[in-house]
């Protein structure tokens, strides 16, 4: 179905996302920090990006801002998935360019639905 890049330094959440989305037919790639995430995005040209906020080397807000500045990713759906649940953090995610925002811990059913919605909006 879709190539999804997951940028998150927490391997437990990487596994949870993989167990949720792989059975739906999505091809997942993982990056453990923001800089590697940008490199991966350019290499694989994902259909969607799921990005954490708090990561080494570059936070998720900056990753999203840089992706949005690149014409190649201007319309790519981006979901921020983070433990940052405060309203200011959520607004910062949207201001950076995210299309949607979910907090950890997350419901796998909600994640699957948000991915379907964001990928459907792309078509």
Protein backbone atom coordinates (compact mmCIF):
# COMPACT_ATOMS: atom_id res chain seq x y z
CA UNK A 1 0.00 0.00 0.00
CA UNK A 2 2.08 2.95 1.24
CA UNK A 3 5.73 3.56 2.11
CA UNK A 4 5.77 5.05 5.61
CA UNK A 5 8.85 6.52 7.28
CA UNK A 6 8.79 6.33 11.08
CA UNK A 7 11.21 8.73 12.77
CA UNK A 8 11.37 7.79 16.46
CA UNK A 9 14.28 6.98 18.77
CA UNK A 10 12.22 4.61 20.96
CA UNK A 11 12.46 1.04 19.68
CA UNK A 12 9.40 -0.03 21.70
CA UNK A 13 7.23 2.49 19.85
CA UNK A 14 8.87 1.53 16.54
CA UNK A 15 7.79 -2.07 17.19
CA UNK A 16 4.25 -1.03 18.19
CA UNK A 17 3.88 1.04 15.03
CA UNK A 18 5.28 -1.81 12.95
CA UNK A 19 2.90 -4.36 14.51
CA UNK A 20 0.01 -1.98 13.81
CA UNK A 21 0.76 -0.90 10.24
CA UNK A 22 2.65 -3.80 8.62
CA UNK A 23 -0.40 -6.14 8.71
CA UNK A 24 -2.33 -3.41 6.84
CA UNK A 25 0.09 -3.83 3.94
CA UNK A 26 2.29 -0.78 4.54
CA UNK A 27 6.03 -0.85 3.97
CA UNK A 28 7.80 0.75 6.92
CA UNK A 29 11.26 2.28 7.23
CA UNK A 30 12.67 3.51 10.52
CA UNK A 31 15.06 6.27 11.54
CA UNK A 32 16.32 6.72 15.11
CA UNK A 33 16.86 10.48 15.04
CA UNK A 34 15.88 13.59 13.13
CA UNK A 35 18.96 13.91 10.94
CA UNK A 36 18.78 10.27 9.88
CA UNK A 37 15.05 10.76 9.27
CA UNK A 38 15.72 13.55 6.77
CA UNK A 39 18.32 11.40 5.01
CA UNK A 40 15.91 8.46 4.89
CA UNK A 41 13.09 10.65 3.57
CA UNK A 42 15.24 11.80 0.66
CA UNK A 43 16.37 8.25 -0.05
CA UNK A 44 12.99 6.48 -0.01
CA UNK A 45 10.52 9.28 -0.85
CA UNK A 46 7.85 8.05 1.59
CA UNK A 47 4.10 8.37 1.03
CA UNK A 48 3.74 9.38 4.70
CA UNK A 49 5.93 10.30 7.68
CA UNK A 50 5.28 9.53 11.34
CA UNK A 51 7.57 11.64 13.52
CA UNK A 52 8.32 11.83 17.24
CA UNK A 53 9.15 15.19 18.84
CA UNK A 54 11.88 14.52 21.40
CA UNK A 55 14.83 12.86 19.63
CA UNK A 56 18.60 13.19 19.54
CA UNK A 57 20.37 15.47 17.03
CA UNK A 58 17.20 17.25 15.83
CA UNK A 59 13.74 17.48 17.34
CA UNK A 60 10.63 16.51 15.42
CA UNK A 61 9.43 20.07 14.95
CA UNK A 62 12.61 20.93 13.06
CA UNK A 63 12.36 17.71 11.03
CA UNK A 64 8.82 18.63 9.97
CA UNK A 65 9.82 22.23 9.14
CA UNK A 66 12.68 21.00 6.96
CA UNK A 67 10.50 18.43 5.22
CA UNK A 68 7.89 21.09 4.46
CA UNK A 69 10.53 23.45 3.02
CA UNK A 70 11.45 20.74 0.52
CA UNK A 71 9.01 20.85 -2.41
CA UNK A 72 9.29 17.07 -2.70
CA UNK A 73 7.55 16.68 0.70
CA UNK A 74 5.27 19.72 0.67
CA UNK A 75 2.15 17.53 0.31
CA UNK A 76 3.39 14.39 2.10
CA UNK A 77 1.12 13.58 5.07
CA UNK A 78 2.96 13.95 8.38
CA UNK A 79 1.67 12.61 11.70
CA UNK A 80 3.43 13.69 14.88
CA UNK A 81 3.34 10.89 17.45
CA UNK A 82 4.77 12.00 20.79
CA UNK A 83 4.53 11.89 24.56
CA UNK A 84 4.18 15.69 24.48
CA UNK A 85 0.49 16.11 25.27
CA UNK A 86 0.27 19.80 26.22
CA UNK A 87 -1.80 22.04 23.95
CA UNK A 88 1.21 24.31 23.25
CA UNK A 89 3.19 21.30 22.02
CA UNK A 90 0.34 20.17 19.81
CA UNK A 91 -0.02 23.67 18.33
CA UNK A 92 3.75 23.78 17.74
CA UNK A 93 3.43 20.55 15.76
CA UNK A 94 0.72 22.01 13.54
CA UNK A 95 2.69 25.27 13.14
CA UNK A 96 5.73 23.25 12.04
CA UNK A 97 3.60 21.68 9.31
CA UNK A 98 2.20 18.43 10.72
CA UNK A 99 -1.15 17.27 9.35
CA UNK A 100 -2.17 15.49 12.55
CA UNK A 101 -0.91 14.87 16.09
CA UNK A 102 -1.25 11.87 18.42
CA UNK A 103 0.08 11.36 21.92
CA UNK A 104 1.87 8.35 23.37
CA UNK A 105 0.86 5.94 24.66
CA UNK A 106 -1.48 5.49 21.73
CA UNK A 107 -4.33 3.26 20.67
CA UNK A 108 -3.31 1.04 17.77
CA UNK A 109 -6.82 1.32 16.34
CA UNK A 110 -6.62 5.12 16.42
CA UNK A 111 -3.18 5.06 14.77
CA UNK A 112 -4.45 2.79 11.98
CA UNK A 113 -7.44 5.09 11.41
CA UNK A 114 -5.34 8.26 11.34
CA UNK A 115 -2.96 6.66 8.82
CA UNK A 116 -5.93 5.64 6.64
CA UNK A 117 -7.39 9.14 6.88
CA UNK A 118 -4.10 10.90 6.07
CA UNK A 119 -3.28 8.61 3.17
CA UNK A 120 -6.82 8.94 1.84
CA UNK A 121 -6.54 12.71 1.97
CA UNK A 122 -3.43 12.46 -0.19
CA UNK A 123 -5.20 10.69 -3.04
